[in-house]
Amino acid sequence: MVHMFKQYGYLTVATYLGVYVVTLAGLYALVRTGLVEGPDVNTFLNNWFVKKALYADEIKLSDKAVDFGMAWLLTKTTEPVRLVVTLALMPVVVRRSPAWLLRLFRAAPKDGAAAAAGSATLKDAAAKAASAPASAAAASKQAADAAIGATSKSAGKSAPLR
């Protein structure tokens, strides 16, 4: 995760938080509809040693608060899965994100231009990408000139220019 943060910046944190919120909301919806059952939060709170020491009466939470507590506890158990999902999503998110968003989150994609530039900044990668067509065209022209020169020499038609 540290390597991903160094490579993609705050976009990693934003993606992880997005995965977390989607997981929590999905589990809350499943608990609310009764498709998933979790631990009883009221019983958990009433048996907690800190509550017993500070508060003598029984705690009774609303149904929505109990469901949210169950969804939160279930979300905590999905931590390893959410981390793997975030790591798998990062290249896709960076590839599909507009440049202004990558600059905002200080993310540097490891695409061809950035790898060729050998730097982690978008500005250096853009400068390298902009100069690549010119240098490729120059190399192509040199190769064509060399091929023409080799062809005319092999045909024996090279005559000095006067």
N, C-alpha and C. Protein backbone atom coordinates (compact mmCIF):
# COMPACT_ATOMS: atom_id res chain seq x y z
N MET A 1 0.83 -1.19 0.00
CA MET A 1 0.00 0.00 0.00
C MET A 1 0.88 1.25 0.00
N VAL A 2 2.01 1.19 0.71
CA VAL A 2 2.92 2.33 0.74
C VAL A 2 3.49 2.58 -0.66
N HIS A 3 3.84 1.50 -1.36
CA HIS A 3 4.34 1.64 -2.73
C HIS A 3 3.28 2.27 -3.63
N MET A 4 2.03 1.85 -3.47
CA MET A 4 0.95 2.42 -4.28
C MET A 4 0.76 3.90 -3.95
N PHE A 5 0.89 4.26 -2.66
CA PHE A 5 0.75 5.67 -2.30
C PHE A 5 1.88 6.50 -2.89
N LYS A 6 3.09 5.96 -2.89
CA LYS A 6 4.21 6.69 -3.48
C LYS A 6 4.01 6.85 -4.99
N GLN A 7 3.46 5.84 -5.62
CA GLN A 7 3.28 5.88 -7.07
C GLN A 7 2.07 6.72 -7.48
N TYR A 8 0.95 6.56 -6.79
CA TYR A 8 -0.30 7.19 -7.23
C TYR A 8 -0.78 8.32 -6.32
N GLY A 9 -0.07 8.62 -5.24
CA GLY A 9 -0.41 9.74 -4.38
C GLY A 9 -1.73 9.57 -3.65
N TYR A 10 -2.40 10.70 -3.46
CA TYR A 10 -3.64 10.71 -2.69
C TYR A 10 -4.79 10.02 -3.42
N LEU A 11 -4.62 9.71 -4.68
CA LEU A 11 -5.65 8.97 -5.41
C LEU A 11 -5.82 7.58 -4.81
N THR A 12 -4.77 7.02 -4.23
CA THR A 12 -4.85 5.73 -3.55
C THR A 12 -5.78 5.83 -2.34
N VAL A 13 -5.62 6.89 -1.56
CA VAL A 13 -6.45 7.08 -0.38
C VAL A 13 -7.90 7.30 -0.79
N ALA A 14 -8.12 8.11 -1.81
CA ALA A 14 -9.48 8.37 -2.28
C ALA A 14 -10.14 7.09 -2.79
N THR A 15 -9.39 6.27 -3.50
CA THR A 15 -9.94 5.00 -4.01
C THR A 15 -10.26 4.06 -2.86
N TYR A 16 -9.37 3.97 -1.87
CA TYR A 16 -9.61 3.11 -0.72
C TYR A 16 -10.86 3.57 0.04
N LEU A 17 -10.99 4.88 0.24
CA LEU A 17 -12.17 5.39 0.94
C LEU A 17 -13.44 5.12 0.14
N GLY A 18 -13.35 5.21 -1.18
CA GLY A 18 -14.50 4.88 -2.02
C GLY A 18 -14.91 3.43 -1.88
N VAL A 19 -13.93 2.53 -1.87
CA VAL A 19 -14.21 1.10 -1.69
C VAL A 19 -14.82 0.87 -0.31
N TYR A 20 -14.31 1.57 0.71
CA TYR A 20 -14.82 1.43 2.08
C TYR A 20 -16.28 1.87 2.16
N VAL A 21 -16.59 3.03 1.59
CA VAL A 21 -17.96 3.56 1.66
C VAL A 21 -18.93 2.65 0.90
N VAL A 22 -18.52 2.16 -0.26
CA VAL A 22 -19.38 1.26 -1.02
C VAL A 22 -19.62 -0.03 -0.24
N THR A 23 -18.58 -0.55 0.40
CA THR A 23 -18.72 -1.78 1.20
C THR A 23 -19.66 -1.54 2.38
N LEU A 24 -19.46 -0.44 3.10
CA LEU A 24 -20.30 -0.13 4.26
C LEU A 24 -21.75 0.07 3.84
N ALA A 25 -21.97 0.82 2.78
CA ALA A 25 -23.34 1.06 2.31
C ALA A 25 -24.01 -0.23 1.84
N GLY A 26 -23.25 -1.06 1.13
CA GLY A 26 -23.80 -2.33 0.66
C GLY A 26 -24.16 -3.26 1.81
N LEU A 27 -23.28 -3.36 2.80
CA LEU A 27 -23.57 -4.22 3.94
C LEU A 27 -24.72 -3.66 4.79
N TYR A 28 -24.80 -2.34 4.90
CA TYR A 28 -25.92 -1.73 5.63
C TYR A 28 -27.25 -2.07 4.93
N ALA A 29 -27.25 -1.97 3.62
CA ALA A 29 -28.48 -2.30 2.87
C ALA A 29 -28.84 -3.78 3.06
N LEU A 30 -27.83 -4.65 3.04
CA LEU A 30 -28.09 -6.08 3.24
C LEU A 30 -28.60 -6.37 4.65
N VAL A 31 -28.05 -5.71 5.65
CA VAL A 31 -28.49 -5.90 7.03
C VAL A 31 -29.90 -5.34 7.21
N ARG A 32 -30.17 -4.16 6.64
CA ARG A 32 -31.49 -3.53 6.77
C ARG A 32 -32.59 -4.39 6.15
N THR A 33 -32.28 -5.03 5.03
CA THR A 33 -33.29 -5.86 4.37
C THR A 33 -33.40 -7.24 5.01
N GLY A 34 -32.49 -7.58 5.89
CA GLY A 34 -32.55 -8.86 6.58
C GLY A 34 -31.84 -9.99 5.85
N LEU A 35 -31.16 -9.69 4.75
CA LEU A 35 -30.45 -10.73 4.02
C LEU A 35 -29.18 -11.19 4.72
N VAL A 36 -28.60 -10.31 5.54
CA VAL A 36 -27.40 -10.64 6.30
C VAL A 36 -27.66 -10.31 7.76
N GLU A 37 -27.27 -11.22 8.64
CA GLU A 37 -27.42 -10.98 10.06
C GLU A 37 -26.03 -10.92 10.68
N GLY A 38 -25.87 -9.95 11.56
CA GLY A 38 -24.59 -9.79 12.23
C GLY A 38 -24.78 -9.88 13.73
N PRO A 39 -23.76 -9.47 14.48
CA PRO A 39 -23.86 -9.53 15.94
C PRO A 39 -24.87 -8.51 16.47
N ASP A 40 -25.46 -8.80 17.61
CA ASP A 40 -26.42 -7.88 18.23
C ASP A 40 -25.64 -6.79 18.94
N VAL A 41 -25.73 -5.57 18.44
CA VAL A 41 -24.95 -4.46 18.96
C VAL A 41 -25.45 -4.05 20.35
N ASN A 42 -26.74 -4.13 20.60
CA ASN A 42 -27.26 -3.78 21.93
C ASN A 42 -26.68 -4.70 23.00
N THR A 43 -26.65 -5.98 22.75
CA THR A 43 -26.07 -6.92 23.71
C THR A 43 -24.58 -6.67 23.89
N PHE A 44 -23.91 -6.39 22.78
CA PHE A 44 -22.47 -6.12 22.84
C PHE A 44 -22.19 -4.90 23.72
N LEU A 45 -22.94 -3.82 23.51
CA LEU A 45 -22.73 -2.60 24.30
C LEU A 45 -23.08 -2.79 25.77
N ASN A 46 -24.15 -3.52 26.05
CA ASN A 46 -24.57 -3.71 27.43
C ASN A 46 -23.62 -4.62 28.20
N ASN A 47 -22.87 -5.47 27.51
CA ASN A 47 -21.92 -6.36 28.18
C ASN A 47 -20.51 -5.79 28.20
N TRP A 48 -20.30 -4.64 27.63
CA TRP A 48 -18.98 -4.03 27.56
C TRP A 48 -18.57 -3.56 28.95
N PHE A 49 -17.36 -3.87 29.38
CA PHE A 49 -16.92 -3.57 30.74
C PHE A 49 -16.86 -2.07 31.03
N VAL A 50 -16.55 -1.25 30.06
CA VAL A 50 -16.50 0.19 30.27
C VAL A 50 -17.91 0.73 30.54
N LYS A 51 -18.87 0.25 29.79
CA LYS A 51 -20.27 0.68 29.99
C LYS A 51 -20.73 0.26 31.37
N LYS A 52 -20.39 -0.94 31.81
CA LYS A 52 -20.81 -1.41 33.13
C LYS A 52 -20.20 -0.56 34.24
N ALA A 53 -18.99 -0.08 34.03
CA ALA A 53 -18.34 0.73 35.05
C ALA A 53 -18.89 2.15 35.10
N LEU A 54 -19.32 2.68 33.97
CA LEU A 54 -19.73 4.08 33.91
C LEU A 54 -21.24 4.30 33.91
N TYR A 55 -22.01 3.34 33.46
CA TYR A 55 -23.43 3.55 33.21
C TYR A 55 -24.19 2.31 33.68
N ALA A 56 -25.09 2.47 34.63
CA ALA A 56 -25.77 1.33 35.23
C ALA A 56 -26.97 0.86 34.41
N ASP A 57 -27.66 1.79 33.75
CA ASP A 57 -28.86 1.41 33.00
C ASP A 57 -28.51 0.67 31.72
N GLU A 58 -29.52 -0.02 31.21
CA GLU A 58 -29.32 -0.75 29.95
C GLU A 58 -29.42 0.22 28.78
N ILE A 59 -28.54 0.00 27.78
CA ILE A 59 -28.54 0.83 26.58
C ILE A 59 -29.48 0.19 25.56
N LYS A 60 -30.36 1.01 25.00
CA LYS A 60 -31.26 0.53 23.94
C LYS A 60 -31.12 1.46 22.75
N LEU A 61 -30.51 0.98 21.69
CA LEU A 61 -30.31 1.77 20.47
C LEU A 61 -31.48 1.55 19.52
N SER A 62 -31.67 2.50 18.61
CA SER A 62 -32.72 2.36 17.60
C SER A 62 -32.34 1.24 16.62
N ASP A 63 -33.34 0.77 15.90
CA ASP A 63 -33.10 -0.31 14.95
C ASP A 63 -32.09 0.09 13.87
N LYS A 64 -32.18 1.33 13.39
CA LYS A 64 -31.25 1.79 12.36
C LYS A 64 -29.83 1.86 12.90
N ALA A 65 -29.66 2.31 14.14
CA ALA A 65 -28.33 2.38 14.74
C ALA A 65 -27.76 0.98 14.94
N VAL A 66 -28.60 0.05 15.35
CA VAL A 66 -28.14 -1.34 15.52
C VAL A 66 -27.73 -1.92 14.17
N ASP A 67 -28.53 -1.68 13.13
CA ASP A 67 -28.19 -2.18 11.80
C ASP A 67 -26.90 -1.55 11.29
N PHE A 68 -26.73 -0.25 11.53
CA PHE A 68 -25.49 0.40 11.10
C PHE A 68 -24.28 -0.16 11.87
N GLY A 69 -24.45 -0.38 13.15
CA GLY A 69 -23.37 -0.97 13.94
C GLY A 69 -22.99 -2.35 13.45
N MET A 70 -24.00 -3.15 13.10
CA MET A 70 -23.71 -4.48 12.54
C MET A 70 -23.00 -4.36 11.21
N ALA A 71 -23.46 -3.44 10.36
CA ALA A 71 -22.81 -3.25 9.06
C ALA A 71 -21.37 -2.78 9.24
N TRP A 72 -21.13 -1.91 10.19
CA TRP A 72 -19.77 -1.42 10.45
C TRP A 72 -18.87 -2.55 10.93
N LEU A 73 -19.37 -3.38 11.87
CA LEU A 73 -18.57 -4.51 12.35
C LEU A 73 -18.28 -5.49 11.22
N LEU A 74 -19.27 -5.75 10.37
CA LEU A 74 -19.05 -6.64 9.23
C LEU A 74 -18.06 -6.02 8.23
N THR A 75 -18.12 -4.70 8.05
CA THR A 75 -17.19 -4.02 7.15
C THR A 75 -15.76 -4.14 7.66
N LYS A 76 -15.59 -4.09 8.98
CA LYS A 76 -14.25 -4.22 9.55
C LYS A 76 -13.64 -5.59 9.23
N THR A 77 -14.48 -6.61 9.09
CA THR A 77 -13.96 -7.95 8.78
C THR A 77 -13.52 -8.08 7.33
N THR A 78 -13.95 -7.14 6.49
CA THR A 78 -13.59 -7.21 5.06
C THR A 78 -12.33 -6.43 4.73
N GLU A 79 -11.58 -5.98 5.73
CA GLU A 79 -10.38 -5.16 5.51
C GLU A 79 -9.40 -5.77 4.49
N PRO A 80 -8.99 -7.04 4.63
CA PRO A 80 -8.04 -7.59 3.65
C PRO A 80 -8.60 -7.61 2.22
N VAL A 81 -9.87 -7.92 2.10
CA VAL A 81 -10.49 -7.98 0.77
C VAL A 81 -10.54 -6.57 0.16
N ARG A 82 -10.89 -5.57 0.97
CA ARG A 82 -10.95 -4.20 0.47
C ARG A 82 -9.57 -3.71 0.04
N LEU A 83 -8.54 -4.11 0.75
CA LEU A 83 -7.18 -3.72 0.38
C LEU A 83 -6.79 -4.32 -0.97
N VAL A 84 -7.09 -5.59 -1.17
CA VAL A 84 -6.79 -6.24 -2.45
C VAL A 84 -7.58 -5.60 -3.59
N VAL A 85 -8.84 -5.28 -3.34
CA VAL A 85 -9.67 -4.63 -4.36
C VAL A 85 -9.09 -3.26 -4.72
N THR A 86 -8.65 -2.51 -3.72
CA THR A 86 -8.05 -1.20 -3.97
C THR A 86 -6.78 -1.34 -4.81
N LEU A 87 -5.93 -2.29 -4.46
CA LEU A 87 -4.69 -2.50 -5.23
C LEU A 87 -4.99 -2.90 -6.67
N ALA A 88 -6.03 -3.69 -6.87
CA ALA A 88 -6.40 -4.10 -8.23
C ALA A 88 -7.03 -2.96 -9.02
N LEU A 89 -7.74 -2.09 -8.34
CA LEU A 89 -8.44 -0.99 -9.02
C LEU A 89 -7.52 0.17 -9.40
N MET A 90 -6.43 0.36 -8.69
CA MET A 90 -5.60 1.56 -8.89
C MET A 90 -5.13 1.76 -10.33
N PRO A 91 -4.57 0.76 -11.00
CA PRO A 91 -4.16 1.01 -12.40
C PRO A 91 -5.33 1.38 -13.30
N VAL A 92 -6.48 0.79 -13.07
CA VAL A 92 -7.66 1.10 -13.89
C VAL A 92 -8.13 2.53 -13.61
N VAL A 93 -8.16 2.92 -12.34
CA VAL A 93 -8.59 4.26 -11.97
C VAL A 93 -7.65 5.30 -12.58
N VAL A 94 -6.34 5.06 -12.50
CA VAL A 94 -5.38 6.02 -13.04
C VAL A 94 -5.50 6.11 -14.56
N ARG A 95 -5.67 4.98 -15.21
CA ARG A 95 -5.78 4.96 -16.66
C ARG A 95 -7.01 5.71 -17.16
N ARG A 96 -8.11 5.63 -16.41
CA ARG A 96 -9.36 6.24 -16.86
C ARG A 96 -9.59 7.64 -16.30
N SER A 97 -8.70 8.11 -15.44
CA SER A 97 -8.87 9.44 -14.83
C SER A 97 -8.36 10.53 -15.76
N PRO A 98 -9.04 11.67 -15.79
CA PRO A 98 -8.55 12.79 -16.60
C PRO A 98 -7.28 13.38 -15.97
N ALA A 99 -6.50 14.07 -16.77
CA ALA A 99 -5.21 14.61 -16.33
C ALA A 99 -5.37 15.58 -15.16
N TRP A 100 -6.43 16.40 -15.17
CA TRP A 100 -6.60 17.37 -14.09
C TRP A 100 -6.82 16.67 -12.76
N LEU A 101 -7.49 15.50 -12.77
CA LEU A 101 -7.71 14.75 -11.54
C LEU A 101 -6.40 14.14 -11.03
N LEU A 102 -5.59 13.66 -11.96
CA LEU A 102 -4.29 13.10 -11.57
C LEU A 102 -3.40 14.18 -10.97
N ARG A 103 -3.43 15.38 -11.54
CA ARG A 103 -2.65 16.49 -10.96
C ARG A 103 -3.19 16.87 -9.59
N LEU A 104 -4.51 16.89 -9.44
CA LEU A 104 -5.13 17.24 -8.17
C LEU A 104 -4.70 16.29 -7.05
N PHE A 105 -4.67 15.00 -7.34
CA PHE A 105 -4.31 14.00 -6.34
C PHE A 105 -2.82 13.65 -6.35
N ARG A 106 -2.05 14.35 -7.16
CA ARG A 106 -0.59 14.15 -7.26
C ARG A 106 -0.25 12.70 -7.63
N ALA A 107 -0.96 12.18 -8.61
CA ALA A 107 -0.74 10.82 -9.06
C ALA A 107 0.11 10.85 -10.33
N ALA A 108 1.06 9.96 -10.40
CA ALA A 108 1.92 9.86 -11.58
C ALA A 108 1.75 8.47 -12.19
N PRO A 109 1.02 8.35 -13.30
CA PRO A 109 0.81 7.03 -13.89
C PRO A 109 2.09 6.47 -14.46
N LYS A 110 2.23 5.15 -14.39
CA LYS A 110 3.40 4.48 -14.95
C LYS A 110 3.05 3.97 -16.35
N ASP A 111 2.72 4.88 -17.25
CA ASP A 111 2.44 4.49 -18.62
C ASP A 111 3.71 4.59 -19.44
N GLY A 112 3.63 4.42 -20.71
CA GLY A 112 4.80 4.43 -21.57
C GLY A 112 5.57 5.73 -21.53
N ALA A 113 4.87 6.85 -21.55
CA ALA A 113 5.55 8.15 -21.55
C ALA A 113 6.29 8.38 -20.25
N ALA A 114 5.65 8.04 -19.12
CA ALA A 114 6.31 8.25 -17.83
C ALA A 114 7.47 7.29 -17.65
N ALA A 115 7.32 6.06 -18.10
CA ALA A 115 8.41 5.10 -17.96
C ALA A 115 9.59 5.50 -18.83
N ALA A 116 9.32 6.01 -20.04
CA ALA A 116 10.39 6.45 -20.92
C ALA A 116 11.08 7.68 -20.35
N ALA A 117 10.32 8.52 -19.71
CA ALA A 117 10.91 9.72 -19.12
C ALA A 117 11.72 9.38 -17.89
N GLY A 118 11.37 8.28 -17.21
CA GLY A 118 12.10 7.87 -16.03
C GLY A 118 11.86 8.79 -14.85
N SER A 119 10.74 9.52 -14.85
CA SER A 119 10.46 10.41 -13.73
C SER A 119 9.04 10.17 -13.28
N ALA A 120 8.73 10.69 -12.10
CA ALA A 120 7.42 10.48 -11.52
C ALA A 120 6.52 11.69 -11.67
N THR A 121 6.94 12.70 -12.40
CA THR A 121 6.09 13.88 -12.53
C THR A 121 5.41 13.90 -13.89
N LEU A 122 4.21 14.38 -13.89
CA LEU A 122 3.45 14.44 -15.15
C LEU A 122 4.06 15.45 -16.11
N LYS A 123 4.63 16.53 -15.60
CA LYS A 123 5.21 17.56 -16.45
C LYS A 123 6.40 17.00 -17.24
N ASP A 124 7.27 16.25 -16.56
CA ASP A 124 8.42 15.64 -17.24
C ASP A 124 7.97 14.61 -18.27
N ALA A 125 6.94 13.84 -17.92
CA ALA A 125 6.43 12.84 -18.86
C ALA A 125 5.82 13.50 -20.09
N ALA A 126 5.10 14.61 -19.87
CA ALA A 126 4.49 15.32 -21.00
C ALA A 126 5.56 15.93 -21.90
N ALA A 127 6.62 16.48 -21.30
CA ALA A 127 7.71 17.06 -22.10
C ALA A 127 8.40 15.97 -22.91
N LYS A 128 8.61 14.82 -22.33
CA LYS A 128 9.25 13.71 -23.03
C LYS A 128 8.35 13.22 -24.18
N ALA A 129 7.05 13.12 -23.90
CA ALA A 129 6.12 12.67 -24.93
C ALA A 129 6.05 13.67 -26.08
N ALA A 130 6.14 14.96 -25.77
CA ALA A 130 6.08 15.98 -26.81
C ALA A 130 7.34 15.96 -27.69
N SER A 131 8.49 15.65 -27.09
CA SER A 131 9.73 15.63 -27.87
C SER A 131 9.94 14.30 -28.58
N ALA A 132 9.22 13.25 -28.20
CA ALA A 132 9.41 11.93 -28.80
C ALA A 132 9.07 11.92 -30.30
N PRO A 133 7.97 12.51 -30.74
CA PRO A 133 7.69 12.47 -32.18
C PRO A 133 8.77 13.17 -33.00
N ALA A 134 9.31 14.27 -32.50
CA ALA A 134 10.35 14.99 -33.25
C ALA A 134 11.62 14.15 -33.35
N SER A 135 12.02 13.51 -32.26
CA SER A 135 13.22 12.70 -32.30
C SER A 135 13.00 11.43 -33.13
N ALA A 136 11.78 10.88 -33.11
CA ALA A 136 11.48 9.71 -33.92
C ALA A 136 11.51 10.07 -35.40
N ALA A 137 10.99 11.25 -35.73
CA ALA A 137 11.01 11.70 -37.13
C ALA A 137 12.44 11.92 -37.60
N ALA A 138 13.29 12.48 -36.75
CA ALA A 138 14.69 12.70 -37.12
C ALA A 138 15.41 11.37 -37.33
N ALA A 139 15.15 10.41 -36.46
CA ALA A 139 15.77 9.09 -36.60
C ALA A 139 15.29 8.41 -37.87
N SER A 140 14.01 8.56 -38.19
CA SER A 140 13.45 7.96 -39.40
C SER A 140 14.08 8.59 -40.65
N LYS A 141 14.27 9.91 -40.63
CA LYS A 141 14.88 10.59 -41.78
C LYS A 141 16.32 10.14 -41.97
N GLN A 142 17.07 10.00 -40.88
CA GLN A 142 18.46 9.54 -40.97
C GLN A 142 18.52 8.12 -41.54
N ALA A 143 17.59 7.27 -41.09
CA ALA A 143 17.57 5.89 -41.60
C ALA A 143 17.24 5.88 -43.09
N ALA A 144 16.30 6.73 -43.52
CA ALA A 144 15.94 6.79 -44.93
C ALA A 144 17.11 7.31 -45.77
N ASP A 145 17.79 8.35 -45.28
CA ASP A 145 18.94 8.88 -46.00
C ASP A 145 20.05 7.84 -46.11
N ALA A 146 20.27 7.09 -45.05
CA ALA A 146 21.30 6.05 -45.08
C ALA A 146 20.93 4.95 -46.07
N ALA A 147 19.65 4.60 -46.12
CA ALA A 147 19.20 3.56 -47.05
C ALA A 147 19.35 4.02 -48.49
N ILE A 148 19.02 5.28 -48.77
CA ILE A 148 19.15 5.81 -50.12
C ILE A 148 20.62 5.85 -50.52
N GLY A 149 21.47 6.28 -49.59
CA GLY A 149 22.90 6.33 -49.86
C GLY A 149 23.46 4.94 -50.12
N ALA A 150 23.03 3.95 -49.37
CA ALA A 150 23.52 2.58 -49.56
C ALA A 150 23.03 2.02 -50.88
N THR A 151 21.81 2.35 -51.27
CA THR A 151 21.26 1.85 -52.53
C THR A 151 22.00 2.44 -53.72
N SER A 152 22.26 3.73 -53.69
CA SER A 152 22.91 4.36 -54.83
C SER A 152 24.37 3.93 -54.92
N LYS A 153 25.03 3.66 -53.80
CA LYS A 153 26.42 3.19 -53.83
C LYS A 153 26.48 1.77 -54.35
N SER A 154 25.51 0.93 -53.94
CA SER A 154 25.56 -0.46 -54.38
C SER A 154 25.25 -0.57 -55.87
N ALA A 155 24.50 0.39 -56.40
CA ALA A 155 24.20 0.35 -57.83
C ALA A 155 25.32 0.95 -58.64
N GLY A 156 26.30 1.53 -57.99
CA GLY A 156 27.43 2.10 -58.71
C GLY A 156 27.12 3.41 -59.37
N LYS A 157 26.09 4.07 -58.98
CA LYS A 157 25.68 5.30 -59.61
C LYS A 157 26.05 6.51 -58.78
N SER A 158 26.91 6.38 -57.82
CA SER A 158 27.27 7.55 -57.04
C SER A 158 28.28 8.38 -57.77
N ALA A 159 27.88 9.53 -58.12
CA ALA A 159 28.77 10.44 -58.84
C ALA A 159 28.96 11.66 -57.98
N PRO A 160 30.15 12.21 -57.98
CA PRO A 160 30.38 13.40 -57.18
C PRO A 160 29.58 14.57 -57.75
N LEU A 161 29.05 15.35 -56.84
CA LEU A 161 28.29 16.53 -57.24
C LEU A 161 29.26 17.66 -57.50
N ARG A 162 29.04 18.44 -58.57
CA ARG A 162 29.92 19.57 -58.90
C ARG A 162 29.25 20.84 -58.71
